[in-house]
C-alpha atoms as a PDB file:
ATOM      1  CA  UNK A   1      -0.347   0.139  -0.153  1.00  0.00           C
ATOM      2  CA  UNK A   2       2.898   2.631   0.877  1.00  0.00           C
ATOM      3  CA  UNK A   3       4.135   1.869  -2.417  1.00  0.00           C
ATOM      4  CA  UNK A   4       0.837   2.286  -4.427  1.00  0.00           C
ATOM      5  CA  UNK A   5       0.844   5.746  -2.279  1.00  0.00           C
ATOM      6  CA  UNK A   6       3.944   7.117  -1.200  1.00  0.00           C
ATOM      7  CA  UNK A   7       3.685   9.701   1.654  1.00  0.00           C
ATOM      8  CA  UNK A   8      -0.113   9.958   1.005  1.00  0.00           C
ATOM      9  CA  UNK A   9      -0.383  10.836   4.898  1.00  0.00           C
ATOM     10  CA  UNK A  10       1.937  13.702   4.088  1.00  0.00           C
ATOM     11  CA  UNK A  11      -0.595  15.027   1.631  1.00  0.00           C
ATOM     12  CA  UNK A  12      -3.666  13.977   3.259  1.00  0.00           C
ATOM     13  CA  UNK A  13      -3.146  15.530   6.510  1.00  0.00           C
ATOM     14  CA  UNK A  14      -2.931  19.477   5.331  1.00  0.00           C
ATOM     15  CA  UNK A  15      -5.855  18.872   2.778  1.00  0.00           C
ATOM     16  CA  UNK A  16      -8.530  17.668   5.676  1.00  0.00           C
ATOM     17  CA  UNK A  17      -8.894  21.528   6.773  1.00  0.00           C
ATOM     18  CA  UNK A  18      -9.568  22.375   3.620  1.00  0.00           C
ATOM     19  CA  UNK A  19     -12.092  19.531   3.141  1.00  0.00           C
ATOM     20  CA  UNK A  20     -13.695  20.519   6.028  1.00  0.00           C
ATOM     21  CA  UNK A  21     -14.221  24.114   5.057  1.00  0.00           C
ATOM     22  CA  UNK A  22     -15.287  22.650   1.664  1.00  0.00           C
ATOM     23  CA  UNK A  23     -17.969  20.648   3.205  1.00  0.00           C
ATOM     24  CA  UNK A  24     -19.112  22.596   6.422  1.00  0.00           C
ATOM     25  CA  UNK A  25     -18.724  25.928   4.904  1.00  0.00           C
ATOM     26  CA  UNK A  26     -18.578  26.850   1.434  1.00  0.00           C
ATOM     27  CA  UNK A  27     -21.166  23.999   0.171  1.00  0.00           C
ATOM     28  CA  UNK A  28     -23.913  25.555   3.007  1.00  0.00           C
ATOM     29  CA  UNK A  29     -23.268  28.736   1.868  1.00  0.00           C
ATOM     30  CA  UNK A  30     -23.342  27.709  -2.130  1.00  0.00           C
ATOM     31  CA  UNK A  31     -27.143  26.455  -1.544  1.00  0.00           C
ATOM     32  CA  UNK A  32     -28.116  29.440   0.364  1.00  0.00           C
ATOM     33  CA  UNK A  33     -26.795  31.428  -2.491  1.00  0.00           C
ATOM     34  CA  UNK A  34     -28.645  29.425  -5.181  1.00  0.00           C
ATOM     35  CA  UNK A  35     -31.645  29.445  -2.765  1.00  0.00           C
ATOM     36  CA  UNK A  36     -31.724  32.813  -2.652  1.00  0.00           C
ATOM     37  CA  UNK A  37     -31.600  33.356  -6.842  1.00  0.00           C
ATOM     38  CA  UNK A  38     -34.630  30.663  -6.727  1.00  0.00           C
ATOM     39  CA  UNK A  39     -38.450  30.999  -7.352  1.00  0.00           C
ATOM     40  CA  UNK A  40     -41.156  31.056  -5.115  1.00  0.00           C
ATOM     41  CA  UNK A  41     -43.262  27.642  -5.844  1.00  0.00           C
ATOM     42  CA  UNK A  42     -46.202  26.243  -4.272  1.00  0.00           C
ATOM     43  CA  UNK A  43     -45.266  22.895  -3.118  1.00  0.00           C
ATOM     44  CA  UNK A  44     -42.401  21.132  -0.806  1.00  0.00           C
ATOM     45  CA  UNK A  45     -40.145  22.496  -0.841  1.00  0.00           C
ATOM     46  CA  UNK A  46     -41.356  25.652  -1.308  1.00  0.00           C
ATOM     47  CA  UNK A  47     -38.809  27.016  -4.386  1.00  0.00           C
ATOM     48  CA  UNK A  48     -37.848  26.248  -7.570  1.00  0.00           C
ATOM     49  CA  UNK A  49     -34.668  26.198  -8.706  1.00  0.00           C
ATOM     50  CA  UNK A  50     -33.741  28.541 -11.535  1.00  0.00           C
ATOM     51  CA  UNK A  51     -32.514  26.356 -14.015  1.00  0.00           C
ATOM     52  CA  UNK A  52     -35.897  24.466 -13.730  1.00  0.00           C
ATOM     53  CA  UNK A  53     -38.158  27.244 -14.380  1.00  0.00           C
ATOM     54  CA  UNK A  54     -38.384  27.643 -18.377  1.00  0.00           C
ATOM     55  CA  UNK A  55     -37.715  31.054 -19.440  1.00  0.00           C
ATOM     56  CA  UNK A  56     -37.339  32.894 -15.954  1.00  0.00           C
ATOM     57  CA  UNK A  57     -33.151  32.039 -15.260  1.00  0.00           C
ATOM     58  CA  UNK A  58     -32.096  33.870 -12.141  1.00  0.00           C
ATOM     59  CA  UNK A  59     -34.431  35.519  -9.576  1.00  0.00           C
ATOM     60  CA  UNK A  60     -32.952  38.619  -8.319  1.00  0.00           C
ATOM     61  CA  UNK A  61     -36.389  39.653  -6.938  1.00  0.00           C
ATOM     62  CA  UNK A  62     -35.864  38.504  -3.326  1.00  0.00           C
ATOM     63  CA  UNK A  63     -32.475  40.155  -3.188  1.00  0.00           C
ATOM     64  CA  UNK A  64     -33.770  43.460  -4.287  1.00  0.00           C
ATOM     65  CA  UNK A  65     -36.658  43.207  -1.794  1.00  0.00           C
ATOM     66  CA  UNK A  66     -34.548  42.146   1.116  1.00  0.00           C
ATOM     67  CA  UNK A  67     -32.177  45.071   0.376  1.00  0.00           C
ATOM     68  CA  UNK A  68     -34.605  47.845  -0.432  1.00  0.00           C
ATOM     69  CA  UNK A  69     -37.812  47.060   1.565  1.00  0.00           C
ATOM     70  CA  UNK A  70     -37.995  49.260   4.561  1.00  0.00           C
ATOM     71  CA  UNK A  71     -39.288  46.330   7.017  1.00  0.00           C
ATOM     72  CA  UNK A  72     -36.112  44.541   6.232  1.00  0.00           C
ATOM     73  CA  UNK A  73     -34.068  47.344   6.215  1.00  0.00           C
ATOM     74  CA  UNK A  74     -35.444  48.499   9.632  1.00  0.00           C
ATOM     75  CA  UNK A  75     -34.601  44.750  10.887  1.00  0.00           C
ATOM     76  CA  UNK A  76     -30.858  44.846   9.953  1.00  0.00           C
ATOM     77  CA  UNK A  77     -30.663  48.478  11.639  1.00  0.00           C
ATOM     78  CA  UNK A  78     -32.232  46.587  14.830  1.00  0.00           C
ATOM     79  CA  UNK A  79     -30.084  43.889  14.590  1.00  0.00           C
ATOM     80  CA  UNK A  80     -26.924  46.054  14.265  1.00  0.00           C
ATOM     81  CA  UNK A  81     -28.399  48.699  17.231  1.00  0.00           C
ATOM     82  CA  UNK A  82     -29.077  45.701  19.641  1.00  0.00           C
ATOM     83  CA  UNK A  83     -25.401  43.757  18.449  1.00  0.00           C
ATOM     84  CA  UNK A  84     -23.304  47.477  18.932  1.00  0.00           C
ATOM     85  CA  UNK A  85     -25.939  48.072  22.311  1.00  0.00           C
ATOM     86  CA  UNK A  86     -24.687  44.308  23.627  1.00  0.00           C
ATOM     87  CA  UNK A  87     -21.206  44.381  22.278  1.00  0.00           C
ATOM     88  CA  UNK A  88     -20.570  47.642  24.176  1.00  0.00           C
ATOM     89  CA  UNK A  89     -22.321  46.746  27.672  1.00  0.00           C
ATOM     90  CA  UNK A  90     -20.191  43.491  27.356  1.00  0.00           C
ATOM     91  CA  UNK A  91     -16.783  45.472  27.391  1.00  0.00           C
ATOM     92  CA  UNK A  92     -18.178  48.158  30.428  1.00  0.00           C
ATOM     93  CA  UNK A  93     -18.350  44.438  32.767  1.00  0.00           C
ATOM     94  CA  UNK A  94     -15.889  42.608  30.679  1.00  0.00           C
ATOM     95  CA  UNK A  95     -12.726  45.062  31.380  1.00  0.00           C
ATOM     96  CA  UNK A  96     -12.979  44.983  35.397  1.00  0.00           C
ATOM     97  CA  UNK A  97     -13.703  41.324  35.493  1.00  0.00           C
ATOM     98  CA  UNK A  98     -10.329  40.949  33.316  1.00  0.00           C
ATOM     99  CA  UNK A  99      -8.317  43.094  34.618  1.00  0.00           C
ATOM    100  CA  UNK A 100      -9.432  41.729  38.235  1.00  0.00           C
ATOM    101  CA  UNK A 101      -8.498  38.392  36.640  1.00  0.00           C
ATOM    102  CA  UNK A 102      -4.871  39.246  35.974  1.00  0.00           C
ATOM    103  CA  UNK A 103      -4.273  41.182  39.183  1.00  0.00           C
ATOM    104  CA  UNK A 104      -5.843  38.193  40.936  1.00  0.00           C
ATOM    105  CA  UNK A 105      -3.310  35.533  42.738  1.00  0.00           C
ATOM    106  CA  UNK A 106      -2.022  33.278  40.615  1.00  0.00           C
ATOM    107  CA  UNK A 107      -3.112  30.501  42.303  1.00  0.00           C
ATOM    108  CA  UNK A 108      -7.027  31.724  42.541  1.00  0.00           C
ATOM    109  CA  UNK A 109      -6.979  32.330  38.531  1.00  0.00           C
ATOM    110  CA  UNK A 110      -7.827  28.609  37.562  1.00  0.00           C
ATOM    111  CA  UNK A 111     -11.282  29.169  39.705  1.00  0.00           C
ATOM    112  CA  UNK A 112     -11.767  32.593  38.880  1.00  0.00           C
ATOM    113  CA  UNK A 113     -11.543  32.056  34.813  1.00  0.00           C
ATOM    114  CA  UNK A 114     -13.707  28.361  35.402  1.00  0.00           C
ATOM    115  CA  UNK A 115     -16.383  30.937  36.995  1.00  0.00           C
ATOM    116  CA  UNK A 116     -16.113  32.917  33.494  1.00  0.00           C
ATOM    117  CA  UNK A 117     -16.825  29.931  31.853  1.00  0.00           C
ATOM    118  CA  UNK A 118     -19.238  28.240  33.701  1.00  0.00           C
ATOM    119  CA  UNK A 119     -22.510  29.776  31.810  1.00  0.00           C
ATOM    120  CA  UNK A 120     -20.809  27.433  29.285  1.00  0.00           C
ATOM    121  CA  UNK A 121     -21.497  24.696  31.118  1.00  0.00           C
ATOM    122  CA  UNK A 122     -25.484  25.033  31.280  1.00  0.00           C
ATOM    123  CA  UNK A 123     -27.295  24.882  28.002  1.00  0.00           C
ATOM    124  CA  UNK A 124     -28.412  27.763  26.317  1.00  0.00           C
ATOM    125  CA  UNK A 125     -32.094  27.604  26.460  1.00  0.00           C
ATOM    126  CA  UNK A 126     -32.158  26.335  30.061  1.00  0.00           C
ATOM    127  CA  UNK A 127     -30.263  29.490  30.605  1.00  0.00           C
ATOM    128  CA  UNK A 128     -32.828  31.523  29.262  1.00  0.00           C
ATOM    129  CA  UNK A 129     -35.748  29.452  30.684  1.00  0.00           C
ATOM    130  CA  UNK A 130     -34.388  30.857  34.098  1.00  0.00           C
ATOM    131  CA  UNK A 131     -34.680  34.727  32.949  1.00  0.00           C
ATOM    132  CA  UNK A 132     -37.885  33.954  31.969  1.00  0.00           C
ATOM    133  CA  UNK A 133     -38.569  32.775  35.348  1.00  0.00           C
ATOM    134  CA  UNK A 134     -37.141  35.275  36.824  1.00  0.00           C
ATOM    135  CA  UNK A 135     -38.543  38.162  34.726  1.00  0.00           C
ATOM    136  CA  UNK A 136     -42.422  37.196  34.295  1.00  0.00           C
ATOM    137  CA  UNK A 137     -44.901  39.118  36.350  1.00  0.00           C
ATOM    138  CA  UNK A 138     -45.204  35.843  38.925  1.00  0.00           C
ATOM    139  CA  UNK A 139     -41.301  35.043  38.490  1.00  0.00           C
ATOM    140  CA  UNK A 140     -39.322  35.776  41.510  1.00  0.00           C
ATOM    141  CA  UNK A 141     -38.495  39.615  41.234  1.00  0.00           C
ATOM    142  CA  UNK A 142     -41.999  40.669  41.217  1.00  0.00           C
ATOM    143  CA  UNK A 143     -42.691  38.219  43.942  1.00  0.00           C
ATOM    144  CA  UNK A 144     -39.733  39.522  45.872  1.00  0.00           C
ATOM    145  CA  UNK A 145     -40.610  42.970  45.276  1.00  0.00           C
ATOM    146  CA  UNK A 146     -44.484  42.698  46.167  1.00  0.00           C
ATOM    147  CA  UNK A 147     -43.464  40.879  49.442  1.00  0.00           C
ATOM    148  CA  UNK A 148     -41.239  43.885  50.352  1.00  0.00           C
ATOM    149  CA  UNK A 149     -43.975  46.158  49.555  1.00  0.00           C
ATOM    150  CA  UNK A 150     -42.290  47.993  46.970  1.00  0.00           C
ATOM    151  CA  UNK A 151     -44.648  47.424  44.166  1.00  0.00           C
ATOM    152  CA  UNK A 152     -48.465  46.919  44.194  1.00  0.00           C
ATOM    153  CA  UNK A 153     -49.015  45.284  40.821  1.00  0.00           C
ATOM    154  CA  UNK A 154     -46.181  43.361  38.455  1.00  0.00           C
ATOM    155  CA  UNK A 155     -43.550  45.259  36.620  1.00  0.00           C
ATOM    156  CA  UNK A 156     -43.634  44.489  33.007  1.00  0.00           C
ATOM    157  CA  UNK A 157     -40.043  42.884  32.885  1.00  0.00           C
ATOM    158  CA  UNK A 158     -40.287  40.332  30.472  1.00  0.00           C
ATOM    159  CA  UNK A 159     -40.792  40.731  26.795  1.00  0.00           C
ATOM    160  CA  UNK A 160     -39.172  43.834  26.893  1.00  0.00           C
ATOM    161  CA  UNK A 161     -36.162  46.150  26.067  1.00  0.00           C
ATOM    162  CA  UNK A 162     -34.174  45.560  29.320  1.00  0.00           C
ATOM    163  CA  UNK A 163     -34.979  41.825  29.222  1.00  0.00           C
ATOM    164  CA  UNK A 164     -33.322  41.259  25.811  1.00  0.00           C
ATOM    165  CA  UNK A 165     -30.176  43.228  26.832  1.00  0.00           C
ATOM    166  CA  UNK A 166     -29.889  41.281  29.781  1.00  0.00           C
ATOM    167  CA  UNK A 167     -30.034  38.055  28.043  1.00  0.00           C
ATOM    168  CA  UNK A 168     -27.904  38.897  25.448  1.00  0.00           C
ATOM    169  CA  UNK A 169     -24.978  40.186  27.824  1.00  0.00           C
ATOM    170  CA  UNK A 170     -25.706  37.306  30.245  1.00  0.00           C
ATOM    171  CA  UNK A 171     -25.456  34.947  27.114  1.00  0.00           C
ATOM    172  CA  UNK A 172     -22.169  37.115  25.416  1.00  0.00           C
ATOM    173  CA  UNK A 173     -20.205  38.200  28.077  1.00  0.00           C
ATOM    174  CA  UNK A 174     -17.190  35.368  28.313  1.00  0.00           C
ATOM    175  CA  UNK A 175     -16.765  35.974  25.032  1.00  0.00           C
ATOM    176  CA  UNK A 176     -15.348  39.479  25.891  1.00  0.00           C
ATOM    177  CA  UNK A 177     -13.509  38.613  28.985  1.00  0.00           C
ATOM    178  CA  UNK A 178     -11.392  35.885  27.671  1.00  0.00           C
ATOM    179  CA  UNK A 179      -9.830  38.564  24.823  1.00  0.00           C
ATOM    180  CA  UNK A 180      -9.342  41.056  27.016  1.00  0.00           C
ATOM    181  CA  UNK A 181      -7.931  39.217  29.775  1.00  0.00           C
ATOM    182  CA  UNK A 182      -5.129  37.715  27.663  1.00  0.00           C
ATOM    183  CA  UNK A 183      -4.465  41.293  25.941  1.00  0.00           C
ATOM    184  CA  UNK A 184      -3.847  42.435  29.817  1.00  0.00           C
ATOM    185  CA  UNK A 185      -2.198  39.765  30.668  1.00  0.00           C
ATOM    186  CA  UNK A 186       0.732  40.405  27.860  1.00  0.00           C
ATOM    187  CA  UNK A 187       1.174  43.959  29.254  1.00  0.00           C
ATOM    188  CA  UNK A 188       4.217  44.775  30.888  1.00  0.00           C
ATOM    189  CA  UNK A 189       3.615  46.142  34.528  1.00  0.00           C
ATOM    190  CA  UNK A 190       6.579  47.707  34.627  1.00  0.00           C
ATOM    191  CA  UNK A 191       5.146  50.467  33.001  1.00  0.00           C
ATOM    192  CA  UNK A 192       2.274  50.824  34.950  1.00  0.00           C
ATOM    193  CA  UNK A 193       4.285  50.807  37.797  1.00  0.00           C
ATOM    194  CA  UNK A 194       6.943  53.565  36.124  1.00  0.00           C
ATOM    195  CA  UNK A 195       4.113  55.922  35.971  1.00  0.00           C
ATOM    196  CA  UNK A 196       3.223  55.665  39.178  1.00  0.00           C
ATOM    197  CA  UNK A 197       6.826  56.359  40.627  1.00  0.00           C
ATOM    198  CA  UNK A 198       6.410  59.612  38.553  1.00  0.00           C
ATOM    199  CA  UNK A 199       3.703  60.763  40.106  1.00  0.00           C
ATOM    200  CA  UNK A 200       0.370  59.159  38.012  1.00  0.00           C
ATOM    201  CA  UNK A 201      -2.674  58.314  40.384  1.00  0.00           C
ATOM    202  CA  UNK A 202      -4.333  55.283  39.242  1.00  0.00           C
ATOM    203  CA  UNK A 203      -6.516  56.900  36.938  1.00  0.00           C
ATOM    204  CA  UNK A 204      -3.748  58.659  34.963  1.00  0.00           C
ATOM    205  CA  UNK A 205      -2.082  55.263  35.055  1.00  0.00           C
ATOM    206  CA  UNK A 206      -5.129  53.497  33.669  1.00  0.00           C
ATOM    207  CA  UNK A 207      -6.273  56.021  30.650  1.00  0.00           C
ATOM    208  CA  UNK A 208      -2.512  56.208  29.554  1.00  0.00           C
ATOM    209  CA  UNK A 209      -1.296  53.159  30.033  1.00  0.00           C
ATOM    210  CA  UNK A 210      -3.321  50.410  30.902  1.00  0.00           C
ATOM    211  CA  UNK A 211      -6.371  51.043  28.537  1.00  0.00           C
ATOM    212  CA  UNK A 212      -3.935  52.054  25.417  1.00  0.00           C
ATOM    213  CA  UNK A 213      -2.394  48.584  26.132  1.00  0.00           C
ATOM    214  CA  UNK A 214      -5.319  47.110  26.441  1.00  0.00           C
ATOM    215  CA  UNK A 215      -7.098  48.435  22.769  1.00  0.00           C
ATOM    216  CA  UNK A 216      -6.313  45.451  20.631  1.00  0.00           C
ATOM    217  CA  UNK A 217      -8.063  43.074  23.364  1.00  0.00           C
ATOM    218  CA  UNK A 218     -10.893  46.051  23.356  1.00  0.00           C
ATOM    219  CA  UNK A 219     -11.478  45.966  19.817  1.00  0.00           C
ATOM    220  CA  UNK A 220     -11.648  42.046  19.471  1.00  0.00           C
ATOM    221  CA  UNK A 221     -13.509  41.450  22.147  1.00  0.00           C
ATOM    222  CA  UNK A 222     -16.362  44.089  20.643  1.00  0.00           C
ATOM    223  CA  UNK A 223     -16.078  42.057  17.213  1.00  0.00           C
ATOM    224  CA  UNK A 224     -16.481  38.678  18.918  1.00  0.00           C
ATOM    225  CA  UNK A 225     -19.597  39.845  20.581  1.00  0.00           C
ATOM    226  CA  UNK A 226     -21.059  41.962  17.708  1.00  0.00           C
ATOM    227  CA  UNK A 227     -20.556  39.449  15.289  1.00  0.00           C
ATOM    228  CA  UNK A 228     -22.541  36.975  16.473  1.00  0.00           C
ATOM    229  CA  UNK A 229     -25.449  38.586  18.123  1.00  0.00           C
ATOM    230  CA  UNK A 230     -26.018  40.625  14.912  1.00  0.00           C
ATOM    231  CA  UNK A 231     -27.832  37.353  13.908  1.00  0.00           C
ATOM    232  CA  UNK A 232     -28.875  36.309  17.246  1.00  0.00           C
ATOM    233  CA  UNK A 233     -32.734  34.517  17.258  1.00  0.00           C
ATOM    234  CA  UNK A 234     -33.426  32.938  19.945  1.00  0.00           C
ATOM    235  CA  UNK A 235     -32.644  35.841  22.960  1.00  0.00           C
ATOM    236  CA  UNK A 236     -35.108  38.289  21.361  1.00  0.00           C
ATOM    237  CA  UNK A 237     -37.755  35.806  20.615  1.00  0.00           C
ATOM    238  CA  UNK A 238     -37.814  34.576  24.259  1.00  0.00           C
ATOM    239  CA  UNK A 239     -36.997  37.615  26.069  1.00  0.00           C
ATOM    240  CA  UNK A 240     -37.415  40.870  23.973  1.00  0.00           C
ATOM    241  CA  UNK A 241     -40.284  42.945  23.068  1.00  0.00           C
ATOM    242  CA  UNK A 242     -42.937  42.394  19.982  1.00  0.00           C
ATOM    243  CA  UNK A 243     -41.585  45.322  18.008  1.00  0.00           C
ATOM    244  CA  UNK A 244     -37.774  44.055  18.207  1.00  0.00           C
ATOM    245  CA  UNK A 245     -38.203  42.411  14.945  1.00  0.00           C
ATOM    246  CA  UNK A 246     -34.536  41.847  14.432  1.00  0.00           C
ATOM    247  CA  UNK A 247     -33.039  40.183  10.890  1.00  0.00           C
ATOM    248  CA  UNK A 248     -32.959  37.020  12.857  1.00  0.00           C
ATOM    249  CA  UNK A 249     -36.170  36.714  13.814  1.00  0.00           C
ATOM    250  CA  UNK A 250     -37.592  38.250  10.497  1.00  0.00           C
ATOM    251  CA  UNK A 251     -35.461  35.478   8.871  1.00  0.00           C
ATOM    252  CA  UNK A 252     -37.289  32.643  10.927  1.00  0.00           C
ATOM    253  CA  UNK A 253     -40.669  34.215  10.311  1.00  0.00           C
ATOM    254  CA  UNK A 254     -40.261  34.076   6.130  1.00  0.00           C
ATOM    255  CA  UNK A 255     -38.340  30.391   6.257  1.00  0.00           C
ATOM    256  CA  UNK A 256     -40.944  28.977   8.936  1.00  0.00           C
ATOM    257  CA  UNK A 257     -43.986  31.237   8.732  1.00  0.00           C
ATOM    258  CA  UNK A 258     -44.252  32.796   5.406  1.00  0.00           C
ATOM    259  CA  UNK A 259     -42.217  29.761   3.606  1.00  0.00           C
ATOM    260  CA  UNK A 260     -40.735  32.156   1.242  1.00  0.00           C
ATOM    261  CA  UNK A 261     -37.323  30.547   1.193  1.00  0.00           C
ATOM    262  CA  UNK A 262     -35.948  32.572  -1.619  1.00  0.00           C
ATOM    263  CA  UNK A 263     -36.707  35.653   0.934  1.00  0.00           C
ATOM    264  CA  UNK A 264     -35.249  34.048   3.507  1.00  0.00           C
ATOM    265  CA  UNK A 265     -31.882  33.047   1.922  1.00  0.00           C
ATOM    266  CA  UNK A 266     -31.625  36.189   0.231  1.00  0.00           C
ATOM    267  CA  UNK A 267     -31.535  37.685   3.748  1.00  0.00           C
ATOM    268  CA  UNK A 268     -29.316  35.221   5.054  1.00  0.00           C
ATOM    269  CA  UNK A 269     -26.858  36.124   2.121  1.00  0.00           C
ATOM    270  CA  UNK A 270     -27.292  40.564   2.752  1.00  0.00           C
ATOM    271  CA  UNK A 271     -26.377  39.513   6.352  1.00  0.00           C
ATOM    272  CA  UNK A 272     -23.352  37.524   5.885  1.00  0.00           C
ATOM    273  CA  UNK A 273     -22.105  40.274   3.417  1.00  0.00           C
ATOM    274  CA  UNK A 274     -23.026  42.835   6.471  1.00  0.00           C
ATOM    275  CA  UNK A 275     -20.904  40.928   8.889  1.00  0.00           C
ATOM    276  CA  UNK A 276     -17.913  40.522   6.330  1.00  0.00           C
ATOM    277  CA  UNK A 277     -16.489  43.482   7.349  1.00  0.00           C
ATOM    278  CA  UNK A 278     -16.277  43.281  11.300  1.00  0.00           C
ATOM    279  CA  UNK A 279     -15.114  39.389  10.446  1.00  0.00           C
ATOM    280  CA  UNK A 280     -12.018  40.799   8.460  1.00  0.00           C
ATOM    281  CA  UNK A 281     -11.471  43.101  11.023  1.00  0.00           C
ATOM    282  CA  UNK A 282     -11.331  40.826  13.728  1.00  0.00           C
ATOM    283  CA  UNK A 283      -9.083  38.397  11.522  1.00  0.00           C
ATOM    284  CA  UNK A 284      -6.483  41.749  11.209  1.00  0.00           C
ATOM    285  CA  UNK A 285      -6.603  41.927  14.924  1.00  0.00           C
ATOM    286  CA  UNK A 286      -6.183  38.016  15.271  1.00  0.00           C
ATOM    287  CA  UNK A 287      -3.152  38.354  12.564  1.00  0.00           C
ATOM    288  CA  UNK A 288      -1.656  41.265  14.759  1.00  0.00           C
ATOM    289  CA  UNK A 289       1.442  39.854  17.173  1.00  0.00           C
END
């Protein structure tokens, strides 16, 4: 066998990542792109491929509708605003957490990092179900406030914008803590000590030394949260208000409720194109030493 296939393991192993990307990244993207150019039709599945409709060819109506219709543009705008707000809130919470991890004693860091990663050890839906139980009208928060006499009627906590951001931040906070922890752990503490020896107080040291050194980590953390949050569907559906028609919810509705698969695929293609810029920025940040 070795004589028939000389050196085949050394050629096969480098080809495995490319084969994996071809099968599980490029092929699904090609299917979605073809679906976006297909024609809506009655039946199962509810579309006709471009070459299966005589005299029609490619259908660009779905892409044009997803690009120019005000409803879909509003869905994209809401998704980007929520993703940006989620990333910003995650940075505000993640930076002091990462700084505390870096400055903690070495023997306690594994435990603290484990606590940061603890949400990943629990299923995504059970975590959201816990928030639903806490925020609903008969939930623990309203029950506690009523028992203390602070409110008379339950507060509308569930299906609101605060509940949406609460769930988003809870889900994506570890994605911001870890790159910030990595960036801060690479900094040279001697620079902060030198600034303090020259008479700088804690805030000047933070603003002139610590924060500039952490900027690449901040940018990476922002993008690492922003990119998946822009296409989020489950959290807005379970915790968000009805008017939070983000592109993930709209895509789901077009696919499963309206059964307009070409429009749903067109929305997915446009979302990918929108996210190519932050994805490329994240790749450049990761490539920098």
